[in-house]
N, C-alpha and C. Protein backbone atom coordinates (compact mmCIF):
# COMPACT_ATOMS: atom_id res chain seq x y z
N UNK A 1 34.77 -9.93 10.32
CA UNK A 1 33.19 -9.62 10.26
C UNK A 1 33.36 -9.87 8.70
N UNK A 2 32.18 -10.73 7.83
CA UNK A 2 32.19 -11.17 6.23
C UNK A 2 30.52 -11.09 6.54
N UNK A 3 30.25 -10.17 5.39
CA UNK A 3 28.89 -10.02 5.38
C UNK A 3 28.54 -9.83 3.61
N UNK A 4 27.68 -10.90 3.13
CA UNK A 4 27.60 -10.69 1.74
C UNK A 4 25.97 -11.27 1.41
N UNK A 5 25.76 -10.34 0.37
CA UNK A 5 24.56 -10.41 -0.26
C UNK A 5 24.76 -11.09 -1.89
N UNK A 6 24.37 -12.36 -1.82
CA UNK A 6 24.40 -12.83 -3.18
C UNK A 6 23.16 -13.78 -3.88
N UNK A 7 23.23 -13.66 -5.24
CA UNK A 7 22.40 -14.80 -5.53
C UNK A 7 22.71 -16.38 -5.73
N UNK A 8 24.07 -16.52 -5.87
CA UNK A 8 24.65 -17.70 -5.99
C UNK A 8 24.63 -18.61 -4.59
N UNK A 9 24.58 -19.94 -4.25
CA UNK A 9 24.66 -20.43 -3.15
C UNK A 9 26.13 -20.32 -2.36
N UNK A 10 25.89 -20.91 -1.48
CA UNK A 10 27.37 -21.03 -0.35
C UNK A 10 27.73 -22.39 -0.25
N UNK A 11 28.78 -22.64 0.01
CA UNK A 11 29.36 -23.66 0.67
C UNK A 11 29.47 -23.82 2.17
N UNK A 12 29.03 -24.29 2.90
CA UNK A 12 28.88 -23.84 4.49
C UNK A 12 30.30 -24.13 4.94
N UNK A 13 30.84 -25.78 4.56
CA UNK A 13 32.49 -26.03 5.12
C UNK A 13 33.31 -24.96 4.64
N UNK A 14 33.38 -24.91 3.09
CA UNK A 14 34.30 -23.33 2.82
C UNK A 14 33.98 -22.03 4.00
N UNK A 15 33.08 -21.90 4.09
CA UNK A 15 32.65 -20.96 4.72
C UNK A 15 33.35 -20.90 6.36
N UNK A 16 32.87 -22.09 7.10
CA UNK A 16 33.48 -22.14 8.29
C UNK A 16 34.94 -22.20 8.13
N UNK A 17 35.49 -22.78 7.23
CA UNK A 17 36.80 -23.09 7.25
C UNK A 17 37.28 -21.54 7.24
N UNK A 18 36.85 -20.82 6.34
CA UNK A 18 37.72 -19.32 6.32
C UNK A 18 37.34 -18.72 7.34
N UNK A 19 36.06 -18.54 8.03
CA UNK A 19 36.15 -18.46 9.56
C UNK A 19 37.31 -18.43 10.17
N UNK A 20 37.55 -19.76 10.33
CA UNK A 20 38.75 -20.47 11.24
C UNK A 20 40.24 -20.28 10.86
N UNK A 21 40.06 -19.54 9.61
CA UNK A 21 41.88 -19.57 9.07
C UNK A 21 42.69 -18.94 9.82
N UNK A 22 43.66 -19.37 10.19
CA UNK A 22 44.72 -19.07 10.76
C UNK A 22 44.57 -18.29 12.14
N UNK A 23 43.53 -19.02 12.63
CA UNK A 23 43.12 -18.44 14.29
C UNK A 23 43.08 -19.87 15.04
N UNK A 24 44.02 -19.52 16.12
CA UNK A 24 44.00 -20.94 16.96
C UNK A 24 43.55 -20.70 18.41
N UNK A 25 42.81 -19.14 18.01
CA UNK A 25 42.11 -19.00 19.83
C UNK A 25 40.42 -19.40 19.58
N UNK A 26 39.99 -20.15 18.41
CA UNK A 26 38.68 -20.43 18.08
C UNK A 26 38.45 -21.78 18.96
N UNK A 27 37.59 -21.52 19.91
CA UNK A 27 37.40 -22.89 20.24
C UNK A 27 36.19 -23.42 20.17
N UNK A 28 35.02 -22.57 19.14
CA UNK A 28 33.82 -23.09 18.89
C UNK A 28 33.38 -22.30 17.77
N UNK A 29 32.62 -22.76 16.75
CA UNK A 29 31.71 -22.54 15.52
C UNK A 29 30.58 -22.87 15.55
N UNK A 30 29.39 -21.60 15.87
CA UNK A 30 27.85 -22.28 15.54
C UNK A 30 27.33 -21.61 14.39
N UNK A 31 27.07 -22.47 13.89
CA UNK A 31 26.31 -22.00 12.40
C UNK A 31 24.62 -22.26 12.51
N UNK A 32 24.33 -21.67 11.43
CA UNK A 32 23.05 -21.48 11.14
C UNK A 32 22.76 -21.60 9.74
N UNK A 33 21.82 -22.59 8.70
CA UNK A 33 21.85 -22.23 7.49
C UNK A 33 20.12 -22.27 7.43
N UNK A 34 19.45 -21.37 6.99
CA UNK A 34 18.16 -21.56 6.67
C UNK A 34 17.95 -22.01 5.66
N UNK A 35 16.59 -22.66 5.36
CA UNK A 35 16.57 -23.50 3.92
C UNK A 35 14.91 -22.66 3.21
N UNK A 36 15.04 -22.74 2.30
CA UNK A 36 13.54 -22.36 1.69
C UNK A 36 12.76 -23.88 1.55
N UNK A 37 11.99 -23.94 2.21
CA UNK A 37 11.07 -25.24 2.67
C UNK A 37 9.53 -24.72 1.60
N UNK A 38 8.95 -25.72 1.27
CA UNK A 38 7.39 -26.08 0.94
C UNK A 38 7.06 -26.28 2.19
N UNK A 39 5.80 -25.70 2.89
CA UNK A 39 4.95 -25.90 3.78
C UNK A 39 4.28 -27.00 3.34
N UNK A 40 3.85 -27.70 2.17
CA UNK A 40 3.16 -28.72 2.16
C UNK A 40 3.79 -29.55 1.14
N UNK A 41 4.86 -30.11 1.26
CA UNK A 41 5.54 -30.86 0.19
C UNK A 41 4.91 -31.90 -0.59
N UNK A 42 4.69 -31.85 -1.92
CA UNK A 42 4.13 -32.97 -2.55
C UNK A 42 2.81 -32.71 -2.69
N UNK A 43 2.41 -31.60 -2.39
CA UNK A 43 0.57 -31.29 -2.55
C UNK A 43 0.42 -29.95 -3.47
N UNK A 44 -0.31 -30.00 -4.19
CA UNK A 44 -0.76 -28.91 -4.40
C UNK A 44 -1.90 -28.12 -4.07
N UNK A 45 -1.68 -27.88 -2.50
CA UNK A 45 -2.45 -27.54 -1.83
C UNK A 45 -2.17 -26.04 -1.34
N UNK A 46 -3.43 -25.23 -0.98
CA UNK A 46 -2.93 -23.68 -0.78
C UNK A 46 -1.87 -23.84 0.30
N UNK A 47 -0.82 -22.90 0.08
CA UNK A 47 0.49 -22.58 0.68
C UNK A 47 1.69 -23.44 0.08
N UNK A 48 1.13 -24.65 -1.05
CA UNK A 48 2.52 -25.01 -1.34
C UNK A 48 3.06 -24.20 -2.05
N UNK A 49 4.45 -24.12 -1.51
CA UNK A 49 5.71 -23.35 -2.10
C UNK A 49 6.23 -23.72 -3.14
N UNK A 50 6.41 -23.15 -4.29
CA UNK A 50 6.79 -23.36 -5.40
C UNK A 50 7.94 -22.98 -5.72
N UNK A 51 8.16 -21.43 -5.22
CA UNK A 51 9.01 -20.63 -5.82
C UNK A 51 9.36 -19.79 -4.37
N UNK A 52 10.29 -18.70 -4.43
CA UNK A 52 10.04 -17.60 -3.46
C UNK A 52 11.35 -16.65 -4.31
N UNK A 53 10.92 -15.35 -3.63
CA UNK A 53 11.68 -14.35 -4.37
C UNK A 53 12.11 -13.46 -3.14
N UNK A 54 13.52 -13.00 -3.00
CA UNK A 54 13.89 -11.95 -2.02
C UNK A 54 14.57 -11.12 -2.41
N UNK A 55 14.29 -9.84 -2.07
CA UNK A 55 14.53 -8.87 -2.53
C UNK A 55 15.12 -7.99 -1.29
N UNK A 56 16.04 -6.86 -1.49
CA UNK A 56 16.68 -6.30 -0.43
C UNK A 56 17.44 -4.70 -1.47
N UNK A 57 17.68 -3.75 -0.21
CA UNK A 57 17.88 -2.32 -1.06
C UNK A 57 19.64 -2.62 -1.07
N UNK A 58 20.46 -2.76 -2.10
CA UNK A 58 21.75 -3.01 -1.84
C UNK A 58 22.27 -1.64 -1.40
N UNK A 59 23.35 -2.16 -0.54
CA UNK A 59 23.91 -1.09 0.44
C UNK A 59 23.52 -0.99 1.85
N UNK A 60 22.19 -0.46 1.49
CA UNK A 60 21.51 -0.31 3.06
C UNK A 60 21.31 -1.50 3.86
N UNK A 61 21.12 -2.79 3.01
CA UNK A 61 21.19 -4.20 3.98
C UNK A 61 22.35 -4.31 4.52
N UNK A 62 23.37 -4.50 3.73
CA UNK A 62 24.71 -4.56 4.18
C UNK A 62 24.87 -3.97 5.39
N UNK A 63 24.53 -2.29 5.45
CA UNK A 63 24.97 -1.63 6.79
C UNK A 63 23.95 -1.80 7.61
N UNK A 64 22.94 -2.44 7.67
CA UNK A 64 21.97 -2.76 8.44
C UNK A 64 22.33 -4.03 9.14
N UNK A 65 22.86 -5.18 8.32
CA UNK A 65 23.78 -6.33 8.94
C UNK A 65 24.65 -6.11 9.35
N UNK A 66 25.73 -5.27 9.45
CA UNK A 66 26.82 -5.21 9.95
C UNK A 66 26.46 -4.10 11.36
N UNK A 67 25.36 -3.44 11.37
CA UNK A 67 25.03 -2.94 12.90
C UNK A 67 24.84 -4.04 14.06
N UNK A 68 24.09 -5.03 13.31
CA UNK A 68 23.40 -5.99 14.15
C UNK A 68 24.60 -6.90 14.15
N UNK A 69 25.73 -7.24 13.48
CA UNK A 69 26.84 -7.81 14.07
C UNK A 69 27.50 -7.28 15.06
N UNK A 70 27.78 -5.82 14.95
CA UNK A 70 28.34 -5.11 16.15
C UNK A 70 27.70 -5.20 17.31
N UNK A 71 26.40 -5.14 17.13
CA UNK A 71 25.46 -5.49 18.47
C UNK A 71 25.80 -7.17 19.26
N UNK A 72 26.31 -7.63 18.10
CA UNK A 72 26.59 -9.21 18.63
C UNK A 72 27.67 -8.51 19.04
N UNK A 73 28.76 -8.30 18.62
CA UNK A 73 30.15 -8.17 19.36
C UNK A 73 30.35 -7.33 20.76
N UNK A 74 29.23 -6.55 20.63
CA UNK A 74 29.14 -6.07 22.22
C UNK A 74 28.48 -6.86 23.08
N UNK A 75 27.71 -7.90 22.90
CA UNK A 75 27.36 -8.40 23.85
C UNK A 75 27.78 -9.96 24.31
N UNK A 76 28.91 -10.51 23.07
CA UNK A 76 29.65 -11.41 23.54
C UNK A 76 30.86 -11.61 22.63
N UNK A 77 31.80 -12.19 23.47
CA UNK A 77 33.59 -12.17 22.74
C UNK A 77 33.34 -12.88 21.67
N UNK A 78 33.08 -12.39 20.41
CA UNK A 78 33.13 -13.02 19.42
C UNK A 78 34.58 -12.84 18.56
N UNK A 79 35.13 -13.80 18.06
CA UNK A 79 36.31 -13.79 17.15
C UNK A 79 36.09 -13.52 15.84
N UNK A 80 35.24 -14.08 15.24
CA UNK A 80 34.54 -13.83 14.09
C UNK A 80 32.87 -14.22 13.39
N UNK A 81 32.66 -13.37 12.80
CA UNK A 81 31.42 -13.70 12.06
C UNK A 81 31.01 -13.31 10.64
N UNK A 82 29.93 -14.50 10.21
CA UNK A 82 29.86 -14.57 8.39
C UNK A 82 28.67 -14.39 8.40
N UNK A 83 27.78 -13.72 7.74
CA UNK A 83 26.73 -13.81 7.49
C UNK A 83 26.37 -13.79 6.16
N UNK A 84 25.96 -14.57 5.35
CA UNK A 84 25.53 -14.72 3.96
C UNK A 84 23.81 -14.89 3.65
N UNK A 85 23.36 -13.64 3.24
CA UNK A 85 21.99 -14.05 2.84
C UNK A 85 21.92 -13.73 1.31
N UNK A 86 21.18 -14.77 0.67
CA UNK A 86 20.84 -15.14 -0.72
C UNK A 86 19.47 -14.14 -1.43
N UNK A 87 19.55 -13.31 -2.65
CA UNK A 87 18.13 -12.85 -2.72
C UNK A 87 18.16 -13.54 -4.42
N UNK A 88 17.07 -12.81 -4.87
CA UNK A 88 16.51 -13.13 -6.15
C UNK A 88 15.67 -14.60 -6.06
N UNK A 89 15.64 -15.71 -7.36
CA UNK A 89 14.66 -16.33 -7.16
C UNK A 89 15.14 -17.87 -6.64
N UNK A 90 14.53 -18.49 -5.55
CA UNK A 90 14.83 -19.68 -4.87
C UNK A 90 13.92 -20.71 -5.09
N UNK A 91 14.26 -21.73 -4.89
CA UNK A 91 13.33 -23.08 -4.68
C UNK A 91 13.41 -23.93 -3.76
N UNK A 92 11.94 -24.73 -3.18
CA UNK A 92 12.17 -25.23 -1.96
C UNK A 92 13.52 -26.08 -2.19
N UNK A 93 14.33 -26.03 -1.08
CA UNK A 93 15.76 -27.20 -0.85
C UNK A 93 16.51 -26.28 -0.97
N UNK A 94 16.50 -24.88 -1.60
CA UNK A 94 17.71 -24.07 -1.81
C UNK A 94 18.17 -23.36 -0.42
N UNK A 95 19.53 -23.26 -0.32
CA UNK A 95 20.09 -22.41 1.06
C UNK A 95 19.61 -21.21 0.60
N UNK A 96 18.97 -20.17 1.78
CA UNK A 96 18.83 -18.99 1.98
C UNK A 96 19.85 -17.84 2.81
N UNK A 97 19.91 -18.45 3.83
CA UNK A 97 21.06 -17.57 5.07
C UNK A 97 21.96 -18.54 5.54
N UNK A 98 23.10 -17.55 5.70
CA UNK A 98 23.94 -18.72 6.87
C UNK A 98 24.65 -17.35 7.78
N UNK A 99 24.58 -17.93 8.88
CA UNK A 99 24.87 -17.07 9.80
C UNK A 99 25.99 -18.07 10.43
N UNK A 100 27.32 -17.99 10.72
CA UNK A 100 28.19 -18.60 11.61
C UNK A 100 29.13 -17.62 11.82
N UNK A 101 29.20 -18.14 13.50
CA UNK A 101 29.87 -17.52 14.59
C UNK A 101 31.26 -18.09 15.15
N UNK A 102 32.12 -17.46 15.46
CA UNK A 102 33.40 -18.05 16.08
C UNK A 102 33.68 -17.23 17.29
N UNK A 103 33.77 -18.49 18.32
CA UNK A 103 34.34 -17.53 19.73
C UNK A 103 35.24 -18.57 20.23
N UNK A 104 35.75 -17.95 21.31
CA UNK A 104 36.47 -18.95 22.34
C UNK A 104 35.77 -20.44 22.92
N UNK A 105 34.59 -19.81 23.34
CA UNK A 105 33.77 -20.65 23.84
C UNK A 105 32.22 -21.03 23.27
N UNK A 106 31.86 -22.19 23.33
CA UNK A 106 30.57 -22.61 22.81
C UNK A 106 28.94 -21.36 23.31
N UNK A 107 29.40 -21.13 24.54
CA UNK A 107 28.39 -20.68 24.70
C UNK A 107 27.50 -19.08 23.74
N UNK A 108 28.82 -18.36 24.08
CA UNK A 108 28.58 -17.26 23.31
C UNK A 108 28.65 -17.08 21.87
N UNK A 109 29.22 -18.41 21.36
CA UNK A 109 28.84 -18.60 19.95
C UNK A 109 27.19 -19.33 19.50
N UNK A 110 27.01 -20.00 20.17
CA UNK A 110 25.63 -20.42 20.22
C UNK A 110 24.50 -19.19 20.45
N UNK A 111 24.76 -18.66 21.31
CA UNK A 111 24.02 -17.60 21.49
C UNK A 111 24.15 -16.18 20.54
N UNK A 112 25.27 -15.83 20.22
CA UNK A 112 25.68 -14.69 19.04
C UNK A 112 24.56 -15.18 17.55
N UNK A 113 25.14 -16.48 17.30
CA UNK A 113 24.20 -16.94 16.33
C UNK A 113 22.90 -16.98 16.31
N UNK A 114 22.40 -17.17 17.27
CA UNK A 114 20.98 -17.25 17.66
C UNK A 114 20.27 -16.04 17.60
N UNK A 115 21.06 -14.99 18.28
CA UNK A 115 20.48 -13.48 18.34
C UNK A 115 20.84 -12.96 16.98
N UNK A 116 21.84 -13.52 16.45
CA UNK A 116 22.13 -12.70 14.80
C UNK A 116 20.66 -13.14 13.90
N UNK A 117 20.39 -14.78 14.04
CA UNK A 117 19.12 -15.09 13.14
C UNK A 117 18.31 -14.31 13.58
N UNK A 118 17.71 -14.32 14.77
CA UNK A 118 16.61 -13.51 15.06
C UNK A 118 16.55 -12.28 15.06
N UNK A 119 17.74 -11.27 14.66
CA UNK A 119 17.87 -10.26 14.47
C UNK A 119 17.36 -9.85 12.71
N UNK A 120 18.11 -10.72 11.98
CA UNK A 120 18.26 -10.92 10.84
C UNK A 120 16.30 -11.08 10.35
N UNK A 121 15.87 -11.70 11.23
CA UNK A 121 14.36 -12.23 10.74
C UNK A 121 13.40 -10.78 10.78
N UNK A 122 13.81 -10.00 11.81
CA UNK A 122 13.01 -9.07 11.78
C UNK A 122 13.46 -7.73 11.85
N UNK A 123 14.95 -6.94 11.41
CA UNK A 123 15.35 -6.09 10.95
C UNK A 123 16.11 -5.75 9.84
N UNK A 124 16.60 -6.89 9.45
CA UNK A 124 17.15 -6.66 7.94
C UNK A 124 15.96 -6.06 7.10
N UNK A 125 16.55 -5.09 6.04
CA UNK A 125 15.78 -4.99 4.96
C UNK A 125 15.61 -5.93 3.91
N UNK A 126 14.56 -7.45 4.17
CA UNK A 126 14.73 -8.21 3.05
C UNK A 126 13.15 -8.11 2.76
N UNK A 127 12.58 -8.22 1.73
CA UNK A 127 11.42 -8.51 1.17
C UNK A 127 11.25 -10.01 0.60
N UNK A 128 10.27 -10.93 1.11
CA UNK A 128 9.97 -12.19 0.53
C UNK A 128 8.85 -12.26 -0.07
N UNK A 129 8.51 -12.75 -1.33
CA UNK A 129 7.32 -13.34 -2.35
C UNK A 129 7.40 -14.90 -2.72
N UNK A 130 6.42 -15.41 -1.65
CA UNK A 130 6.38 -16.75 -1.98
C UNK A 130 5.23 -16.99 -3.37
N UNK A 131 5.53 -17.71 -4.23
CA UNK A 131 4.55 -18.30 -5.30
C UNK A 131 4.17 -19.77 -5.13
N UNK A 132 2.64 -19.70 -4.90
CA UNK A 132 2.12 -20.97 -4.71
C UNK A 132 1.18 -20.90 -5.79
N UNK A 133 0.37 -21.99 -5.83
CA UNK A 133 -0.81 -22.27 -6.98
C UNK A 133 -1.52 -21.25 -7.07
N UNK A 134 -1.74 -20.27 -6.15
CA UNK A 134 -2.86 -19.16 -6.02
C UNK A 134 -2.13 -18.13 -7.03
N UNK A 135 -1.01 -17.99 -6.86
CA UNK A 135 -0.01 -16.92 -7.16
C UNK A 135 1.12 -16.76 -6.44
N UNK A 136 1.63 -15.15 -6.63
CA UNK A 136 2.51 -14.86 -5.88
C UNK A 136 2.28 -13.87 -4.63
N UNK A 137 2.59 -13.89 -3.40
CA UNK A 137 2.53 -13.10 -2.10
C UNK A 137 3.29 -12.79 -1.65
N UNK A 138 3.27 -11.25 -1.15
CA UNK A 138 4.68 -11.03 -0.26
C UNK A 138 4.07 -11.44 1.06
N UNK A 139 5.05 -11.71 1.98
CA UNK A 139 5.16 -12.54 3.24
C UNK A 139 5.04 -11.51 4.21
N UNK A 140 4.31 -11.58 5.04
CA UNK A 140 4.30 -10.75 6.37
C UNK A 140 5.02 -11.02 7.55
N UNK A 141 5.34 -9.95 8.30
CA UNK A 141 6.20 -10.26 9.15
C UNK A 141 5.33 -11.15 10.44
N UNK A 142 5.79 -12.19 11.02
CA UNK A 142 5.03 -12.68 12.29
C UNK A 142 5.48 -12.36 13.35
N UNK A 143 4.38 -12.45 14.03
CA UNK A 143 4.84 -11.99 15.89
C UNK A 143 5.56 -12.53 16.34
N UNK A 144 5.69 -13.98 16.12
CA UNK A 144 6.66 -15.27 16.48
C UNK A 144 8.03 -14.73 16.55
N UNK A 145 8.20 -14.19 15.28
CA UNK A 145 10.02 -13.32 15.03
C UNK A 145 10.03 -12.19 16.05
N UNK A 146 8.82 -11.43 15.99
CA UNK A 146 9.01 -10.23 17.12
C UNK A 146 9.36 -10.57 18.41
N UNK A 147 8.77 -11.71 19.02
CA UNK A 147 8.96 -12.43 19.90
C UNK A 147 9.95 -12.85 20.22
N UNK A 148 10.54 -13.72 19.23
CA UNK A 148 12.16 -14.06 19.71
C UNK A 148 13.19 -13.22 19.90
N UNK A 149 12.95 -11.98 19.25
CA UNK A 149 13.92 -10.63 19.36
C UNK A 149 13.66 -10.15 20.49
N UNK A 150 12.44 -10.18 21.09
CA UNK A 150 12.36 -9.61 22.39
C UNK A 150 12.70 -9.98 23.66
N UNK A 151 12.86 -11.04 23.45
CA UNK A 151 13.72 -11.72 24.49
C UNK A 151 15.43 -11.63 24.69
N UNK A 152 15.73 -11.07 23.57
CA UNK A 152 17.13 -10.29 23.52
C UNK A 152 17.25 -9.01 24.24
N UNK A 153 16.18 -8.30 24.71
CA UNK A 153 15.87 -6.93 24.88
C UNK A 153 15.90 -6.20 23.93
N UNK A 154 15.42 -6.49 22.58
CA UNK A 154 15.31 -5.78 21.48
C UNK A 154 14.04 -5.59 20.87
N UNK A 155 13.35 -4.24 21.22
CA UNK A 155 11.85 -4.05 20.62
C UNK A 155 11.65 -4.20 19.12
N UNK A 156 10.76 -4.84 18.89
CA UNK A 156 10.33 -5.26 17.20
C UNK A 156 8.77 -5.17 17.19
N UNK A 157 8.24 -4.51 16.34
CA UNK A 157 6.87 -4.57 16.00
C UNK A 157 6.60 -4.58 14.57
N UNK A 158 7.28 -5.40 13.95
CA UNK A 158 7.02 -5.75 12.49
C UNK A 158 5.58 -6.22 12.18
N UNK A 159 5.32 -7.27 13.14
CA UNK A 159 4.15 -8.04 12.53
C UNK A 159 2.95 -7.12 12.53
N UNK A 160 2.67 -6.00 13.55
CA UNK A 160 1.81 -5.06 13.44
C UNK A 160 2.03 -3.80 12.28
N UNK A 161 3.30 -3.65 11.95
CA UNK A 161 3.50 -2.66 10.90
C UNK A 161 3.36 -3.16 9.30
N UNK A 162 3.14 -4.96 9.40
CA UNK A 162 3.27 -5.23 8.24
C UNK A 162 4.56 -5.31 7.37
N UNK A 163 5.58 -5.27 8.25
CA UNK A 163 6.93 -4.97 7.32
C UNK A 163 7.53 -6.20 7.58
N UNK A 164 8.01 -7.31 6.39
CA UNK A 164 8.87 -8.21 6.81
C UNK A 164 10.33 -8.41 6.84
């Protein structure tokens, strides 16, 4: 298990290669890369994201993600997991998060990757602030993220509590 919180970018190919290094039992690697996006590219409209800032609690965040990975390992036969989440100032087009999962079979790799991403969106202690032409605003949790986690049998009500 590799978990890193960092300000610098990451290389997807290098991370997948490291995940598979020396393993001949890996039959599938599923990965997800989340990207900072502008909701209204090329426009100076409300919601036009000029920048994003991500904050976290060092130590606490890594422990929370490790617990998420342990839950995934209990659900699926995983051979390796890498989670990298960036913090600090990001611009539209920058990579934010990488989840890569190795397993003997694709079904487990796909499911665990999606589970971990749903879990990260609702349970990991990160705070996101978007800068738009109207100024900076902290982003609230969304009901759709809570619903995505509930389909895995995990309760979350971050959208009601205002936690992101």
